[in-house]
């Protein structure tokens, strides 16, 4: 399987805000810029396109003017009460509790990493295409990458949660199994 994973364009929110599952949008200029970059790279070409239904992904997918399958399993993690809060405003004890139990702790009462990994793994397992373009989020991309390296869902989730986040807005990462 070959997946071209695209992180959504930069959302229209202030830096340092936890926005996970919140349906924040992005500017038309940012969407057009990433769509043009994808087309210049020959994407999506003949690849089927899958996307998170959150606006920052859905708007980019729509700008490609090809059929798109929206799948909620590709959405970013739900950070519950942390959503739209400044990371600096979240109590340090809560962040430390999450760091101490990356798999099971529910940030802000939302999803835990293991739950997100299970839904992303279900998407990957059900994908019946030898290749696809997937427009999603940094957390989803990290999980898809980790799942492709084998091992249990728990191991993949821990690898993804422990890895540094260095995926740029609009970046394309190609995974080959």
N, C-alpha and C. Protein backbone atom coordinates (compact mmCIF):
# COMPACT_ATOMS: atom_id res chain seq x y z
N UNK A 1 0.85 -1.18 0.00
CA UNK A 1 0.00 0.00 0.00
C UNK A 1 0.90 1.24 0.00
N UNK A 2 0.50 2.24 -0.77
CA UNK A 2 1.21 3.52 -0.79
C UNK A 2 0.21 4.63 -0.47
N UNK A 3 0.51 5.37 0.57
CA UNK A 3 -0.36 6.47 0.98
C UNK A 3 0.39 7.79 0.88
N UNK A 4 -0.20 8.75 0.19
CA UNK A 4 0.31 10.12 0.19
C UNK A 4 -0.52 10.86 1.23
N UNK A 5 0.09 11.18 2.35
CA UNK A 5 -0.60 11.83 3.46
C UNK A 5 -0.32 13.32 3.42
N UNK A 6 -1.38 14.12 3.44
CA UNK A 6 -1.25 15.57 3.35
C UNK A 6 -1.82 16.19 4.62
N UNK A 7 -1.00 17.01 5.28
CA UNK A 7 -1.53 17.76 6.42
C UNK A 7 -2.28 18.97 5.89
N UNK A 8 -3.38 19.28 6.49
CA UNK A 8 -4.22 20.43 6.12
C UNK A 8 -3.43 21.74 6.14
N UNK A 9 -3.95 22.77 5.47
CA UNK A 9 -3.33 24.09 5.56
C UNK A 9 -3.44 24.67 6.97
N UNK A 10 -2.64 25.67 7.25
CA UNK A 10 -2.66 26.30 8.56
C UNK A 10 -4.03 26.87 8.87
N UNK A 11 -4.58 26.53 10.03
CA UNK A 11 -5.91 27.05 10.39
C UNK A 11 -5.83 28.51 10.81
N UNK A 12 -6.98 29.16 10.77
CA UNK A 12 -7.10 30.57 11.15
C UNK A 12 -7.34 30.71 12.66
N UNK A 13 -6.31 30.41 13.44
CA UNK A 13 -6.38 30.60 14.89
C UNK A 13 -5.03 31.10 15.36
N UNK A 14 -5.01 31.65 16.54
CA UNK A 14 -3.76 32.16 17.12
C UNK A 14 -2.81 31.00 17.42
N UNK A 15 -1.52 31.25 17.35
CA UNK A 15 -0.54 30.22 17.72
C UNK A 15 -0.70 29.84 19.19
N UNK A 16 -0.34 28.60 19.52
CA UNK A 16 -0.35 28.17 20.91
C UNK A 16 -1.70 27.75 21.43
N UNK A 17 -2.67 27.55 20.53
CA UNK A 17 -4.02 27.13 20.93
C UNK A 17 -4.18 25.64 20.65
N UNK A 18 -4.75 24.92 21.61
CA UNK A 18 -5.08 23.50 21.43
C UNK A 18 -6.40 23.44 20.66
N UNK A 19 -6.36 22.91 19.43
CA UNK A 19 -7.60 22.93 18.63
C UNK A 19 -8.02 21.56 18.11
N UNK A 20 -7.31 20.50 18.34
CA UNK A 20 -7.68 19.14 17.97
C UNK A 20 -8.91 18.97 17.11
N UNK A 21 -10.00 18.49 17.70
CA UNK A 21 -11.22 18.16 16.98
C UNK A 21 -12.08 19.37 16.63
N UNK A 22 -11.78 20.53 17.21
CA UNK A 22 -12.56 21.73 16.91
C UNK A 22 -12.52 21.99 15.41
N UNK A 23 -13.66 22.32 14.85
CA UNK A 23 -13.77 22.50 13.40
C UNK A 23 -13.39 23.92 13.00
N UNK A 24 -12.09 24.22 13.11
CA UNK A 24 -11.59 25.53 12.70
C UNK A 24 -11.33 25.53 11.19
N UNK A 25 -11.48 26.67 10.59
CA UNK A 25 -11.30 26.78 9.14
C UNK A 25 -9.90 27.30 8.83
N UNK A 26 -9.68 27.53 7.56
CA UNK A 26 -8.42 28.06 7.07
C UNK A 26 -8.73 29.03 5.94
N UNK A 27 -7.80 29.89 5.62
CA UNK A 27 -8.06 30.89 4.60
C UNK A 27 -8.10 30.28 3.20
N UNK A 28 -8.83 30.93 2.32
CA UNK A 28 -8.89 30.51 0.92
C UNK A 28 -7.49 30.56 0.31
N UNK A 29 -6.70 31.55 0.68
CA UNK A 29 -5.34 31.67 0.15
C UNK A 29 -4.49 30.46 0.55
N UNK A 30 -4.59 30.04 1.80
CA UNK A 30 -3.82 28.87 2.26
C UNK A 30 -4.28 27.61 1.55
N UNK A 31 -5.60 27.48 1.36
CA UNK A 31 -6.13 26.31 0.65
C UNK A 31 -5.63 26.30 -0.79
N UNK A 32 -5.73 27.44 -1.46
CA UNK A 32 -5.28 27.54 -2.85
C UNK A 32 -3.79 27.24 -2.98
N UNK A 33 -3.00 27.73 -2.03
CA UNK A 33 -1.55 27.51 -2.07
C UNK A 33 -1.22 26.01 -1.95
N UNK A 34 -1.85 25.32 -1.00
CA UNK A 34 -1.57 23.89 -0.81
C UNK A 34 -2.12 23.09 -1.99
N UNK A 35 -3.31 23.43 -2.47
CA UNK A 35 -3.89 22.73 -3.62
C UNK A 35 -2.98 22.87 -4.84
N UNK A 36 -2.45 24.08 -5.07
CA UNK A 36 -1.54 24.30 -6.21
C UNK A 36 -0.27 23.48 -6.05
N UNK A 37 0.23 23.40 -4.85
CA UNK A 37 1.44 22.61 -4.58
C UNK A 37 1.19 21.12 -4.85
N UNK A 38 0.02 20.65 -4.45
CA UNK A 38 -0.32 19.24 -4.69
C UNK A 38 -0.43 18.97 -6.19
N UNK A 39 -1.13 19.85 -6.89
CA UNK A 39 -1.27 19.67 -8.35
C UNK A 39 0.10 19.71 -9.04
N UNK A 40 0.98 20.60 -8.61
CA UNK A 40 2.33 20.69 -9.19
C UNK A 40 3.12 19.40 -8.96
N UNK A 41 2.81 18.70 -7.87
CA UNK A 41 3.48 17.43 -7.56
C UNK A 41 2.77 16.25 -8.24
N UNK A 42 1.73 16.54 -9.04
CA UNK A 42 1.01 15.47 -9.73
C UNK A 42 -0.04 14.78 -8.89
N UNK A 43 -0.42 15.42 -7.79
CA UNK A 43 -1.43 14.83 -6.90
C UNK A 43 -2.75 15.57 -7.05
N UNK A 44 -3.86 14.91 -6.96
CA UNK A 44 -3.97 13.50 -6.66
C UNK A 44 -3.77 12.57 -7.86
N UNK A 45 -3.68 13.12 -9.07
CA UNK A 45 -3.56 12.24 -10.23
C UNK A 45 -4.75 11.32 -10.29
N UNK A 46 -4.50 10.04 -10.43
CA UNK A 46 -5.59 9.07 -10.49
C UNK A 46 -5.87 8.43 -9.12
N UNK A 47 -5.20 8.93 -8.08
CA UNK A 47 -5.39 8.36 -6.74
C UNK A 47 -6.78 8.67 -6.19
N UNK A 48 -7.39 7.71 -5.51
CA UNK A 48 -8.61 8.04 -4.78
C UNK A 48 -8.24 8.95 -3.61
N UNK A 49 -9.15 9.85 -3.26
CA UNK A 49 -8.88 10.84 -2.21
C UNK A 49 -9.80 10.58 -1.02
N UNK A 50 -9.19 10.54 0.16
CA UNK A 50 -9.91 10.40 1.42
C UNK A 50 -9.54 11.61 2.26
N UNK A 51 -10.48 12.08 3.07
CA UNK A 51 -10.19 13.27 3.88
C UNK A 51 -10.99 13.25 5.17
N UNK A 52 -10.40 13.88 6.17
CA UNK A 52 -11.12 14.18 7.40
C UNK A 52 -12.25 15.13 7.04
N UNK A 53 -13.41 15.01 7.67
CA UNK A 53 -14.51 15.92 7.38
C UNK A 53 -14.37 17.30 8.03
N UNK A 54 -13.35 17.50 8.86
CA UNK A 54 -13.17 18.81 9.48
C UNK A 54 -12.81 19.83 8.40
N UNK A 55 -13.32 21.04 8.53
CA UNK A 55 -13.24 22.07 7.48
C UNK A 55 -11.84 22.29 6.95
N UNK A 56 -10.84 22.28 7.81
CA UNK A 56 -9.48 22.56 7.34
C UNK A 56 -8.97 21.50 6.37
N UNK A 57 -9.53 20.31 6.42
CA UNK A 57 -9.20 19.24 5.46
C UNK A 57 -10.21 19.20 4.33
N UNK A 58 -11.48 19.30 4.68
CA UNK A 58 -12.55 19.19 3.68
C UNK A 58 -12.46 20.29 2.63
N UNK A 59 -12.11 21.50 3.02
CA UNK A 59 -12.00 22.59 2.06
C UNK A 59 -10.84 22.36 1.09
N UNK A 60 -9.73 21.82 1.59
CA UNK A 60 -8.62 21.49 0.70
C UNK A 60 -9.02 20.38 -0.26
N UNK A 61 -9.67 19.35 0.25
CA UNK A 61 -10.11 18.24 -0.61
C UNK A 61 -11.04 18.75 -1.70
N UNK A 62 -11.97 19.62 -1.35
CA UNK A 62 -12.92 20.17 -2.33
C UNK A 62 -12.20 21.00 -3.39
N UNK A 63 -11.12 21.70 -2.99
CA UNK A 63 -10.38 22.54 -3.94
C UNK A 63 -9.66 21.72 -5.00
N UNK A 64 -9.47 20.43 -4.76
CA UNK A 64 -8.80 19.57 -5.74
C UNK A 64 -9.73 19.18 -6.88
N UNK A 65 -11.04 19.42 -6.68
CA UNK A 65 -12.04 19.18 -7.72
C UNK A 65 -12.01 17.74 -8.24
N UNK A 66 -11.95 16.79 -7.30
CA UNK A 66 -12.01 15.36 -7.61
C UNK A 66 -12.97 14.72 -6.60
N UNK A 67 -13.47 13.52 -6.90
CA UNK A 67 -14.31 12.85 -5.91
C UNK A 67 -13.53 12.60 -4.61
N UNK A 68 -14.20 12.81 -3.49
CA UNK A 68 -13.56 12.65 -2.18
C UNK A 68 -14.46 11.79 -1.29
N UNK A 69 -13.84 10.90 -0.55
CA UNK A 69 -14.54 10.14 0.48
C UNK A 69 -14.15 10.74 1.83
N UNK A 70 -15.12 11.30 2.53
CA UNK A 70 -14.86 11.86 3.85
C UNK A 70 -15.05 10.77 4.89
N UNK A 71 -14.10 10.68 5.82
CA UNK A 71 -14.14 9.62 6.83
C UNK A 71 -13.80 10.22 8.18
N UNK A 72 -14.76 10.18 9.11
CA UNK A 72 -14.58 10.78 10.43
C UNK A 72 -13.45 10.12 11.22
N UNK A 73 -13.06 8.91 10.85
CA UNK A 73 -11.97 8.25 11.57
C UNK A 73 -10.63 8.95 11.33
N UNK A 74 -10.57 9.82 10.32
CA UNK A 74 -9.34 10.57 10.03
C UNK A 74 -9.25 11.88 10.81
N UNK A 75 -10.28 12.22 11.58
CA UNK A 75 -10.29 13.48 12.33
C UNK A 75 -9.19 13.48 13.39
N UNK A 76 -8.82 14.67 13.80
CA UNK A 76 -7.81 14.83 14.84
C UNK A 76 -8.39 14.43 16.19
N UNK A 77 -7.53 14.23 17.15
CA UNK A 77 -7.91 13.84 18.51
C UNK A 77 -8.81 14.89 19.15
N UNK A 78 -9.77 14.41 19.92
CA UNK A 78 -10.67 15.28 20.68
C UNK A 78 -10.03 15.55 22.04
N UNK A 79 -9.66 16.81 22.27
CA UNK A 79 -9.02 17.19 23.52
C UNK A 79 -10.02 17.69 24.57
N UNK A 80 -11.32 17.44 24.36
CA UNK A 80 -12.33 17.78 25.35
C UNK A 80 -12.28 19.23 25.78
N UNK A 81 -12.23 19.47 27.09
CA UNK A 81 -12.23 20.82 27.65
C UNK A 81 -10.96 21.61 27.32
N UNK A 82 -9.93 20.94 26.82
CA UNK A 82 -8.71 21.65 26.42
C UNK A 82 -8.88 22.35 25.08
N UNK A 83 -9.88 21.93 24.30
CA UNK A 83 -10.08 22.51 22.97
C UNK A 83 -10.24 24.03 23.06
N UNK A 84 -9.51 24.71 22.18
CA UNK A 84 -9.53 26.17 22.02
C UNK A 84 -8.99 26.91 23.25
N UNK A 85 -8.27 26.18 24.09
CA UNK A 85 -7.58 26.80 25.22
C UNK A 85 -6.12 27.01 24.83
N UNK A 86 -5.51 28.03 25.37
CA UNK A 86 -4.08 28.20 25.20
C UNK A 86 -3.38 27.06 25.91
N UNK A 87 -2.35 26.50 25.26
CA UNK A 87 -1.59 25.42 25.93
C UNK A 87 -1.04 25.92 27.25
N UNK A 88 -0.70 27.20 27.34
CA UNK A 88 -0.17 27.76 28.57
C UNK A 88 -1.22 27.86 29.68
N UNK A 89 -2.49 27.87 29.31
CA UNK A 89 -3.57 27.97 30.30
C UNK A 89 -4.00 26.61 30.86
N UNK A 90 -3.57 25.55 30.22
CA UNK A 90 -3.93 24.20 30.69
C UNK A 90 -3.05 23.89 31.90
N UNK A 91 -3.66 23.48 33.01
CA UNK A 91 -2.87 23.22 34.22
C UNK A 91 -1.74 22.23 33.96
N UNK A 92 -0.55 22.59 34.44
CA UNK A 92 0.64 21.77 34.23
C UNK A 92 0.43 20.35 34.76
N UNK A 93 -0.31 20.21 35.86
CA UNK A 93 -0.55 18.88 36.43
C UNK A 93 -1.32 17.99 35.45
N UNK A 94 -2.23 18.59 34.68
CA UNK A 94 -2.99 17.81 33.70
C UNK A 94 -2.09 17.37 32.54
N UNK A 95 -1.25 18.26 32.08
CA UNK A 95 -0.33 17.91 31.00
C UNK A 95 0.65 16.84 31.48
N UNK A 96 1.12 16.96 32.71
CA UNK A 96 2.02 15.95 33.28
C UNK A 96 1.32 14.60 33.42
N UNK A 97 0.05 14.61 33.79
CA UNK A 97 -0.71 13.36 33.91
C UNK A 97 -0.83 12.68 32.54
N UNK A 98 -1.04 13.48 31.49
CA UNK A 98 -1.11 12.93 30.14
C UNK A 98 0.25 12.35 29.74
N UNK A 99 1.31 13.07 30.02
CA UNK A 99 2.66 12.60 29.67
C UNK A 99 3.00 11.31 30.41
N UNK A 100 2.45 11.14 31.60
CA UNK A 100 2.72 9.94 32.39
C UNK A 100 1.94 8.73 31.90
N UNK A 101 0.87 8.95 31.14
CA UNK A 101 0.05 7.84 30.63
C UNK A 101 -0.48 8.21 29.25
N UNK A 102 0.43 8.25 28.28
CA UNK A 102 0.09 8.68 26.93
C UNK A 102 -1.04 7.87 26.29
N UNK A 103 -1.12 6.60 26.59
CA UNK A 103 -2.13 5.76 25.94
C UNK A 103 -3.53 5.93 26.51
N UNK A 104 -3.64 6.09 27.81
CA UNK A 104 -4.97 6.00 28.44
C UNK A 104 -5.53 7.31 29.00
N UNK A 105 -4.67 8.29 29.24
CA UNK A 105 -5.15 9.55 29.82
C UNK A 105 -6.03 10.27 28.79
N UNK A 106 -7.11 10.86 29.25
CA UNK A 106 -8.04 11.59 28.39
C UNK A 106 -7.84 13.09 28.59
N UNK A 107 -7.04 13.72 27.72
CA UNK A 107 -6.82 15.16 27.87
C UNK A 107 -8.12 15.94 27.82
N UNK A 108 -8.36 16.71 28.85
CA UNK A 108 -9.58 17.52 28.90
C UNK A 108 -10.85 16.69 28.94
N UNK A 109 -10.72 15.40 29.24
CA UNK A 109 -11.89 14.51 29.25
C UNK A 109 -12.28 14.02 27.87
N UNK A 110 -11.47 14.32 26.85
CA UNK A 110 -11.75 13.89 25.47
C UNK A 110 -11.28 12.47 25.21
N UNK A 111 -10.76 12.24 24.03
CA UNK A 111 -10.28 10.91 23.64
C UNK A 111 -8.89 10.65 24.21
N UNK A 112 -8.59 9.36 24.38
CA UNK A 112 -7.21 9.03 24.69
C UNK A 112 -6.53 8.57 23.40
N UNK A 113 -5.22 8.55 23.42
CA UNK A 113 -4.45 8.22 22.22
C UNK A 113 -4.78 6.83 21.70
N UNK A 114 -5.03 5.89 22.59
CA UNK A 114 -5.35 4.53 22.16
C UNK A 114 -6.67 4.49 21.38
N UNK A 115 -7.66 5.25 21.81
CA UNK A 115 -8.93 5.32 21.07
C UNK A 115 -8.72 5.89 19.67
N UNK A 116 -7.93 6.96 19.59
CA UNK A 116 -7.65 7.56 18.28
C UNK A 116 -6.93 6.55 17.40
N UNK A 117 -5.95 5.86 17.97
CA UNK A 117 -5.19 4.86 17.21
C UNK A 117 -6.12 3.75 16.69
N UNK A 118 -7.07 3.34 17.48
CA UNK A 118 -7.99 2.27 17.05
C UNK A 118 -8.84 2.72 15.87
N UNK A 119 -9.33 3.96 15.90
CA UNK A 119 -10.16 4.40 14.77
C UNK A 119 -9.33 4.62 13.51
N UNK A 120 -8.10 5.14 13.67
CA UNK A 120 -7.23 5.33 12.52
C UNK A 120 -6.80 3.98 11.95
N UNK A 121 -6.52 3.02 12.83
CA UNK A 121 -6.16 1.67 12.38
C UNK A 121 -7.32 1.01 11.63
N UNK A 122 -8.55 1.25 12.09
CA UNK A 122 -9.72 0.69 11.39
C UNK A 122 -9.83 1.28 9.99
N UNK A 123 -9.59 2.58 9.85
CA UNK A 123 -9.59 3.19 8.51
C UNK A 123 -8.54 2.51 7.64
N UNK A 124 -7.33 2.40 8.14
CA UNK A 124 -6.21 1.84 7.37
C UNK A 124 -6.50 0.39 6.97
N UNK A 125 -7.03 -0.37 7.91
CA UNK A 125 -7.32 -1.78 7.64
C UNK A 125 -8.41 -1.95 6.58
N UNK A 126 -9.39 -1.07 6.59
CA UNK A 126 -10.51 -1.17 5.64
C UNK A 126 -10.21 -0.54 4.29
N UNK A 127 -9.11 0.19 4.19
CA UNK A 127 -8.75 0.83 2.93
C UNK A 127 -8.44 -0.26 1.90
N UNK A 128 -9.23 -0.31 0.86
CA UNK A 128 -9.11 -1.38 -0.13
C UNK A 128 -8.38 -0.91 -1.39
N UNK A 129 -7.56 0.12 -1.26
CA UNK A 129 -6.85 0.69 -2.40
C UNK A 129 -5.36 0.39 -2.28
N UNK A 130 -4.70 0.11 -3.40
CA UNK A 130 -3.25 -0.08 -3.33
C UNK A 130 -2.51 1.25 -3.10
N UNK A 131 -3.17 2.37 -3.41
CA UNK A 131 -2.59 3.69 -3.21
C UNK A 131 -3.73 4.69 -3.03
N UNK A 132 -3.46 5.75 -2.26
CA UNK A 132 -4.49 6.76 -2.02
C UNK A 132 -3.84 8.05 -1.52
N UNK A 133 -4.56 9.14 -1.71
CA UNK A 133 -4.20 10.43 -1.15
C UNK A 133 -5.11 10.65 0.06
N UNK A 134 -4.52 10.96 1.21
CA UNK A 134 -5.28 11.13 2.44
C UNK A 134 -4.98 12.51 3.00
N UNK A 135 -6.01 13.34 3.12
CA UNK A 135 -5.87 14.69 3.66
C UNK A 135 -6.38 14.66 5.09
N UNK A 136 -5.45 14.93 6.03
CA UNK A 136 -5.84 14.78 7.43
C UNK A 136 -5.00 15.69 8.32
N UNK A 137 -4.68 15.25 9.50
CA UNK A 137 -4.09 16.05 10.56
C UNK A 137 -2.76 15.46 10.99
N UNK A 138 -1.95 16.25 11.67
CA UNK A 138 -0.63 15.80 12.11
C UNK A 138 -0.73 14.55 12.99
N UNK A 139 -1.67 14.53 13.93
CA UNK A 139 -1.82 13.36 14.80
C UNK A 139 -2.19 12.12 14.01
N UNK A 140 -3.08 12.28 13.06
CA UNK A 140 -3.50 11.15 12.22
C UNK A 140 -2.35 10.66 11.36
N UNK A 141 -1.57 11.59 10.82
CA UNK A 141 -0.41 11.22 10.00
C UNK A 141 0.60 10.46 10.85
N UNK A 142 0.86 10.93 12.05
CA UNK A 142 1.81 10.22 12.93
C UNK A 142 1.31 8.83 13.26
N UNK A 143 0.01 8.67 13.46
CA UNK A 143 -0.53 7.35 13.75
C UNK A 143 -0.47 6.43 12.53
N UNK A 144 -0.82 6.94 11.36
CA UNK A 144 -0.74 6.12 10.15
C UNK A 144 0.71 5.68 9.90
N UNK A 145 1.65 6.57 10.12
CA UNK A 145 3.07 6.23 9.98
C UNK A 145 3.48 5.14 10.96
N UNK A 146 3.08 5.30 12.21
CA UNK A 146 3.44 4.33 13.25
C UNK A 146 2.78 2.98 13.00
N UNK A 147 1.54 2.98 12.54
CA UNK A 147 0.84 1.72 12.25
C UNK A 147 1.52 0.96 11.12
N UNK A 148 2.09 1.69 10.17
CA UNK A 148 2.77 1.06 9.05
C UNK A 148 4.06 0.36 9.43
N UNK A 149 4.55 0.61 10.64
CA UNK A 149 5.80 0.00 11.08
C UNK A 149 5.59 -1.32 11.81
N UNK A 150 4.33 -1.75 11.91
CA UNK A 150 4.04 -3.03 12.53
C UNK A 150 3.89 -2.95 14.04
N UNK A 151 3.69 -4.12 14.63
CA UNK A 151 3.46 -4.21 16.06
C UNK A 151 1.99 -4.04 16.39
N UNK A 152 1.70 -4.02 17.66
CA UNK A 152 0.32 -3.89 18.12
C UNK A 152 -0.16 -2.46 17.98
N UNK A 153 -1.47 -2.28 18.08
CA UNK A 153 -2.03 -0.92 18.06
C UNK A 153 -1.48 -0.12 19.23
N UNK A 154 -1.33 -0.76 20.37
CA UNK A 154 -0.79 -0.07 21.55
C UNK A 154 0.63 0.42 21.29
N UNK A 155 1.45 -0.44 20.68
CA UNK A 155 2.84 -0.04 20.38
C UNK A 155 2.86 1.12 19.38
N UNK A 156 2.03 1.02 18.35
CA UNK A 156 1.97 2.08 17.34
C UNK A 156 1.49 3.39 17.97
N UNK A 157 0.48 3.31 18.80
CA UNK A 157 -0.05 4.51 19.46
C UNK A 157 1.01 5.17 20.33
N UNK A 158 1.75 4.36 21.05
CA UNK A 158 2.81 4.90 21.91
C UNK A 158 3.93 5.51 21.07
N UNK A 159 4.29 4.85 19.96
CA UNK A 159 5.31 5.42 19.06
C UNK A 159 4.86 6.77 18.53
N UNK A 160 3.60 6.85 18.08
CA UNK A 160 3.07 8.10 17.52
C UNK A 160 3.02 9.19 18.58
N UNK A 161 2.53 8.86 19.77
CA UNK A 161 2.38 9.86 20.83
C UNK A 161 3.73 10.32 21.36
N UNK A 162 4.73 9.48 21.25
CA UNK A 162 6.06 9.82 21.77
C UNK A 162 6.93 10.55 20.76
N UNK A 163 6.51 10.53 19.50
CA UNK A 163 7.34 11.15 18.46
C UNK A 163 7.13 12.66 18.43
N UNK A 164 8.20 13.35 18.12
CA UNK A 164 8.13 14.82 18.02
C UNK A 164 7.25 15.21 16.84
N UNK A 165 6.51 16.28 16.99
CA UNK A 165 5.61 16.76 15.94
C UNK A 165 6.39 17.71 15.04
N UNK A 166 6.71 17.26 13.83
CA UNK A 166 7.44 18.11 12.90
C UNK A 166 6.81 18.08 11.51
N UNK A 167 5.52 18.00 11.44
CA UNK A 167 4.83 17.92 10.15
C UNK A 167 4.29 19.32 9.83
N UNK A 168 4.78 19.89 8.76
CA UNK A 168 4.38 21.25 8.38
C UNK A 168 2.97 21.26 7.78
N UNK A 169 2.32 22.40 7.88
CA UNK A 169 1.02 22.57 7.23
C UNK A 169 1.20 22.39 5.73
N UNK A 170 0.35 21.58 5.11
CA UNK A 170 0.43 21.34 3.67
C UNK A 170 1.49 20.33 3.25
N UNK A 171 2.26 19.81 4.20
CA UNK A 171 3.32 18.86 3.88
C UNK A 171 2.73 17.53 3.40
N UNK A 172 3.43 16.89 2.45
CA UNK A 172 3.06 15.58 1.95
C UNK A 172 4.09 14.56 2.43
N UNK A 173 3.60 13.51 3.05
CA UNK A 173 4.45 12.41 3.50
C UNK A 173 3.96 11.16 2.80
N UNK A 174 4.86 10.47 2.12
CA UNK A 174 4.49 9.25 1.39
C UNK A 174 4.92 8.03 2.21
N UNK A 175 3.95 7.16 2.47
CA UNK A 175 4.20 5.90 3.19
C UNK A 175 4.08 4.75 2.20
N UNK A 176 5.04 3.86 2.24
CA UNK A 176 4.99 2.66 1.41
C UNK A 176 5.13 1.44 2.30
N UNK A 177 4.18 0.54 2.19
CA UNK A 177 4.26 -0.72 2.94
C UNK A 177 4.89 -1.79 2.08
